[in-house]
PDB file of N, CA and C in Angstrom:
ATOM      1  N   MET A   1     -12.709 -42.324  24.856  1.00  0.00           N
ATOM      2  CA  MET A   1     -13.241 -40.976  24.802  1.00  0.00           C
ATOM      3  C   MET A   1     -12.513 -40.121  25.842  1.00  0.00           C
ATOM      4  N   ASN A   2     -12.219 -38.922  25.439  1.00  0.00           N
ATOM      5  CA  ASN A   2     -11.538 -38.034  26.381  1.00  0.00           C
ATOM      6  C   ASN A   2     -12.554 -37.153  27.120  1.00  0.00           C
ATOM      7  N   THR A   3     -12.057 -36.337  27.992  1.00  0.00           N
ATOM      8  CA  THR A   3     -12.911 -35.524  28.863  1.00  0.00           C
ATOM      9  C   THR A   3     -13.782 -34.552  28.076  1.00  0.00           C
ATOM     10  N   ILE A   4     -13.227 -33.952  27.046  1.00  0.00           N
ATOM     11  CA  ILE A   4     -13.992 -32.983  26.242  1.00  0.00           C
ATOM     12  C   ILE A   4     -15.193 -33.663  25.595  1.00  0.00           C
ATOM     13  N   GLU A   5     -15.004 -34.854  25.073  1.00  0.00           N
ATOM     14  CA  GLU A   5     -16.112 -35.563  24.435  1.00  0.00           C
ATOM     15  C   GLU A   5     -17.208 -35.893  25.446  1.00  0.00           C
ATOM     16  N   TRP A   6     -16.826 -36.292  26.646  1.00  0.00           N
ATOM     17  CA  TRP A   6     -17.813 -36.576  27.689  1.00  0.00           C
ATOM     18  C   TRP A   6     -18.571 -35.313  28.077  1.00  0.00           C
ATOM     19  N   ILE A   7     -17.882 -34.202  28.155  1.00  0.00           N
ATOM     20  CA  ILE A   7     -18.539 -32.931  28.489  1.00  0.00           C
ATOM     21  C   ILE A   7     -19.550 -32.553  27.412  1.00  0.00           C
ATOM     22  N   VAL A   8     -19.185 -32.746  26.160  1.00  0.00           N
ATOM     23  CA  VAL A   8     -20.096 -32.432  25.058  1.00  0.00           C
ATOM     24  C   VAL A   8     -21.317 -33.344  25.097  1.00  0.00           C
ATOM     25  N   ILE A   9     -21.112 -34.627  25.353  1.00  0.00           N
ATOM     26  CA  ILE A   9     -22.229 -35.573  25.423  1.00  0.00           C
ATOM     27  C   ILE A   9     -23.162 -35.213  26.574  1.00  0.00           C
ATOM     28  N   ILE A  10     -22.605 -34.936  27.733  1.00  0.00           N
ATOM     29  CA  ILE A  10     -23.428 -34.570  28.888  1.00  0.00           C
ATOM     30  C   ILE A  10     -24.169 -33.261  28.630  1.00  0.00           C
ATOM     31  N   GLY A  11     -23.501 -32.309  28.008  1.00  0.00           N
ATOM     32  CA  GLY A  11     -24.159 -31.049  27.669  1.00  0.00           C
ATOM     33  C   GLY A  11     -25.302 -31.249  26.689  1.00  0.00           C
ATOM     34  N   GLY A  12     -25.089 -32.102  25.695  1.00  0.00           N
ATOM     35  CA  GLY A  12     -26.141 -32.387  24.722  1.00  0.00           C
ATOM     36  C   GLY A  12     -27.340 -33.063  25.358  1.00  0.00           C
ATOM     37  N   LEU A  13     -27.082 -34.041  26.214  1.00  0.00           N
ATOM     38  CA  LEU A  13     -28.177 -34.723  26.905  1.00  0.00           C
ATOM     39  C   LEU A  13     -28.923 -33.772  27.839  1.00  0.00           C
ATOM     40  N   SER A  14     -28.186 -32.891  28.475  1.00  0.00           N
ATOM     41  CA  SER A  14     -28.824 -31.896  29.344  1.00  0.00           C
ATOM     42  C   SER A  14     -29.712 -30.957  28.536  1.00  0.00           C
ATOM     43  N   ALA A  15     -29.245 -30.548  27.377  1.00  0.00           N
ATOM     44  CA  ALA A  15     -30.041 -29.664  26.522  1.00  0.00           C
ATOM     45  C   ALA A  15     -31.311 -30.367  26.054  1.00  0.00           C
ATOM     46  N   ILE A  16     -31.206 -31.634  25.684  1.00  0.00           N
ATOM     47  CA  ILE A  16     -32.380 -32.399  25.254  1.00  0.00           C
ATOM     48  C   ILE A  16     -33.378 -32.518  26.399  1.00  0.00           C
ATOM     49  N   ALA A  17     -32.888 -32.820  27.595  1.00  0.00           N
ATOM     50  CA  ALA A  17     -33.772 -32.942  28.759  1.00  0.00           C
ATOM     51  C   ALA A  17     -34.460 -31.617  29.059  1.00  0.00           C
ATOM     52  N   TRP A  18     -33.727 -30.508  28.964  1.00  0.00           N
ATOM     53  CA  TRP A  18     -34.319 -29.200  29.236  1.00  0.00           C
ATOM     54  C   TRP A  18     -35.395 -28.877  28.209  1.00  0.00           C
ATOM     55  N   VAL A  19     -35.144 -29.134  26.934  1.00  0.00           N
ATOM     56  CA  VAL A  19     -36.133 -28.842  25.889  1.00  0.00           C
ATOM     57  C   VAL A  19     -37.388 -29.672  26.117  1.00  0.00           C
ATOM     58  N   ASN A  20     -37.217 -30.964  26.432  1.00  0.00           N
ATOM     59  CA  ASN A  20     -38.383 -31.805  26.703  1.00  0.00           C
ATOM     60  C   ASN A  20     -39.171 -31.276  27.889  1.00  0.00           C
ATOM     61  N   TRP A  21     -38.495 -30.892  28.949  1.00  0.00           N
ATOM     62  CA  TRP A  21     -39.199 -30.353  30.107  1.00  0.00           C
ATOM     63  C   TRP A  21     -39.915 -29.059  29.736  1.00  0.00           C
ATOM     64  N   TYR A  22     -39.241 -28.195  29.018  1.00  0.00           N
ATOM     65  CA  TYR A  22     -39.812 -26.890  28.688  1.00  0.00           C
ATOM     66  C   TYR A  22     -41.094 -27.036  27.876  1.00  0.00           C
ATOM     67  N   PHE A  23     -41.085 -27.916  26.888  1.00  0.00           N
ATOM     68  CA  PHE A  23     -42.242 -28.020  26.007  1.00  0.00           C
ATOM     69  C   PHE A  23     -43.349 -28.903  26.560  1.00  0.00           C
ATOM     70  N   PHE A  24     -43.022 -29.900  27.357  1.00  0.00           N
ATOM     71  CA  PHE A  24     -44.049 -30.829  27.825  1.00  0.00           C
ATOM     72  C   PHE A  24     -44.452 -30.575  29.272  1.00  0.00           C
ATOM     73  N   MET A  25     -43.505 -30.512  30.169  1.00  0.00           N
ATOM     74  CA  MET A  25     -43.832 -30.369  31.584  1.00  0.00           C
ATOM     75  C   MET A  25     -44.272 -28.947  31.926  1.00  0.00           C
ATOM     76  N   ALA A  26     -43.651 -27.953  31.342  1.00  0.00           N
ATOM     77  CA  ALA A  26     -44.012 -26.572  31.653  1.00  0.00           C
ATOM     78  C   ALA A  26     -45.447 -26.280  31.218  1.00  0.00           C
ATOM     79  N   GLN A  27     -45.893 -26.856  30.109  1.00  0.00           N
ATOM     80  CA  GLN A  27     -47.267 -26.657  29.665  1.00  0.00           C
ATOM     81  C   GLN A  27     -48.247 -27.294  30.637  1.00  0.00           C
ATOM     82  N   ALA A  28     -47.906 -28.452  31.164  1.00  0.00           N
ATOM     83  CA  ALA A  28     -48.777 -29.121  32.129  1.00  0.00           C
ATOM     84  C   ALA A  28     -48.873 -28.306  33.416  1.00  0.00           C
ATOM     85  N   VAL A  29     -47.768 -27.759  33.862  1.00  0.00           N
ATOM     86  CA  VAL A  29     -47.769 -26.931  35.074  1.00  0.00           C
ATOM     87  C   VAL A  29     -48.610 -25.681  34.847  1.00  0.00           C
ATOM     88  N   ALA A  30     -48.474 -25.058  33.692  1.00  0.00           N
ATOM     89  CA  ALA A  30     -49.251 -23.855  33.388  1.00  0.00           C
ATOM     90  C   ALA A  30     -50.742 -24.178  33.315  1.00  0.00           C
ATOM     91  N   ALA A  31     -51.091 -25.314  32.739  1.00  0.00           N
ATOM     92  CA  ALA A  31     -52.499 -25.703  32.647  1.00  0.00           C
ATOM     93  C   ALA A  31     -53.093 -25.917  34.033  1.00  0.00           C
ATOM     94  N   LYS A  32     -52.330 -26.513  34.939  1.00  0.00           N
ATOM     95  CA  LYS A  32     -52.821 -26.708  36.305  1.00  0.00           C
ATOM     96  C   LYS A  32     -53.034 -25.370  36.995  1.00  0.00           C
ATOM     97  N   ARG A  33     -52.136 -24.423  36.763  1.00  0.00           N
ATOM     98  CA  ARG A  33     -52.287 -23.103  37.379  1.00  0.00           C
ATOM     99  C   ARG A  33     -53.541 -22.411  36.875  1.00  0.00           C
ATOM    100  N   VAL A  34     -53.782 -22.486  35.574  1.00  0.00           N
ATOM    101  CA  VAL A  34     -54.969 -21.846  34.995  1.00  0.00           C
ATOM    102  C   VAL A  34     -56.221 -22.510  35.536  1.00  0.00           C
ATOM    103  N   GLN A  35     -56.213 -23.834  35.621  1.00  0.00           N
ATOM    104  CA  GLN A  35     -57.373 -24.551  36.129  1.00  0.00           C
ATOM    105  C   GLN A  35     -57.639 -24.185  37.587  1.00  0.00           C
ATOM    106  N   ARG A  36     -56.589 -24.111  38.391  1.00  0.00           N
ATOM    107  CA  ARG A  36     -56.754 -23.772  39.800  1.00  0.00           C
ATOM    108  C   ARG A  36     -57.285 -22.345  39.947  1.00  0.00           C
ATOM    109  N   LYS A  37     -56.776 -21.427  39.123  1.00  0.00           N
ATOM    110  CA  LYS A  37     -57.232 -20.035  39.189  1.00  0.00           C
ATOM    111  C   LYS A  37     -58.704 -19.946  38.792  1.00  0.00           C
ATOM    112  N   THR A  38     -59.108 -20.712  37.775  1.00  0.00           N
ATOM    113  CA  THR A  38     -60.498 -20.722  37.336  1.00  0.00           C
ATOM    114  C   THR A  38     -61.396 -21.291  38.422  1.00  0.00           C
ATOM    115  N   GLU A  39     -60.934 -22.364  39.082  1.00  0.00           N
ATOM    116  CA  GLU A  39     -61.725 -22.954  40.158  1.00  0.00           C
ATOM    117  C   GLU A  39     -61.899 -21.968  41.311  1.00  0.00           C
ATOM    118  N   LEU A  40     -60.868 -21.217  41.625  1.00  0.00           N
ATOM    119  CA  LEU A  40     -60.971 -20.237  42.699  1.00  0.00           C
ATOM    120  C   LEU A  40     -61.975 -19.143  42.349  1.00  0.00           C
ATOM    121  N   ARG A  41     -61.988 -18.725  41.097  1.00  0.00           N
ATOM    122  CA  ARG A  41     -62.920 -17.673  40.684  1.00  0.00           C
ATOM    123  C   ARG A  41     -64.360 -18.161  40.736  1.00  0.00           C
ATOM    124  N   THR A  42     -64.599 -19.397  40.295  1.00  0.00           N
ATOM    125  CA  THR A  42     -65.976 -19.893  40.241  1.00  0.00           C
ATOM    126  C   THR A  42     -66.500 -20.285  41.612  1.00  0.00           C
ATOM    127  N   SER A  43     -65.626 -20.623  42.550  1.00  0.00           N
ATOM    128  CA  SER A  43     -66.089 -21.052  43.869  1.00  0.00           C
ATOM    129  C   SER A  43     -66.138 -19.907  44.881  1.00  0.00           C
ATOM    130  N   ALA A  44     -65.607 -18.766  44.540  1.00  0.00           N
ATOM    131  CA  ALA A  44     -65.592 -17.638  45.475  1.00  0.00           C
ATOM    132  C   ALA A  44     -66.984 -17.020  45.564  1.00  0.00           C
ATOM    133  N   PRO A  45     -67.417 -16.691  46.778  1.00  0.00           N
ATOM    134  CA  PRO A  45     -68.737 -16.040  46.915  1.00  0.00           C
ATOM    135  C   PRO A  45     -68.702 -14.628  46.341  1.00  0.00           C
ATOM    136  N   ARG A  46     -69.821 -14.212  45.824  1.00  0.00           N
ATOM    137  CA  ARG A  46     -69.899 -12.881  45.209  1.00  0.00           C
ATOM    138  C   ARG A  46     -70.775 -11.985  46.025  1.00  0.00           C
TER     139      ARG A  46
END
């Protein structure tokens, strides 16, 4: 395999990793933020 083929393979794997992170990990991070914000609202004195 030459250098161009390795670059394409690495780019493809990077794109797959980014898509997986975007759809799975980003949703988990957003859910934690929403949960934390909700907890702050319910525990704050009025």
